[in-house]
Amino acid sequence: MSDRLHGQKAVVVGGSSGIGLAAAAALLAAGADVVVASRTESRLAAVRGGLGPRATTQVVDGAEETSVRALFAAAGVFDHLIIALGGGGAVGPFAELEEARFRAAFDRKFWPFVLVARHGAARIRAGGSITFITGAAARRVIPRMSGIAAVNGAIEAMIRPLARELAPTRVNAVSPGLIDTPYWHGMPAEQREAMFAQTARGLAVGRVGRPQEVADAVLFLVTNGFTTGTVIECDGGVGLV
């Protein structure tokens, strides 16, 4: 526990599970009041009691402008925005990825990130921050991941221009590698563990990541007032081995 963010307010969009939930918990532990927003009420209900009295929740569909407007109208003025919306992506051999799958990947992640950032930025106090959660595929050569690379690469390409345009609001991103989150729980356990083990062998740290470790990187970007226009790679050393 600390009071580094005492008196400040954060909005975490995509905060009902995985990295977003870990980020919300880290911000609360640092003293912030936090609005946790997600598309699924049942997920919000499941985590609401564990977050404590300084957390509130709201349903939002990041792909719907009316819903996004309602989120920020209810939130009012705040200090920090974390966008951790998951989107899946167009995974597979490039030659087999139809245009519709590429477009759907952008519709599920890129455009919601843009919509949330655009409407949220107008309500952030001077000196506040926006932190995007992107993905290592944007910067690493990973076969069959060109669709995800395109989406996350497009988001990361906005970081530095937005850091200049929206100043003094700071704009940064965290780019995670493979993280053990509920996103993977739909995969059979044996298959999931085999994938984690294979990935771990190619990482300098020898294991996949934990949501709390990405949340630590988010907390650094939120609390460090001299960092902007930066993408922090939190990927276990992909490419170092």
Foldseek 3Di string as FASTA:
>chain_A
DAQLQAPFEEEQEQQLWFLNVLLLLVCVVNHYQYEYEYQDVVSCVVCVVVNDDSYHYDYADLLDLVRLLVVDVVVAAGFEYEYEFDFDWQFFAPVPGDPVRLVSSCSRPVSSVVSNCVNNLVRHDALGEYEYEAAPLLPDDDGRCVSSVVRRVVVLVCFQVCCVVSPVYAYEYEHEYAEPICVCVVPPPVVVVVVQQVVLVQAPQSGHHYSNQSSVVVVCVRSDSVDHSYYHYHYRHHPPD
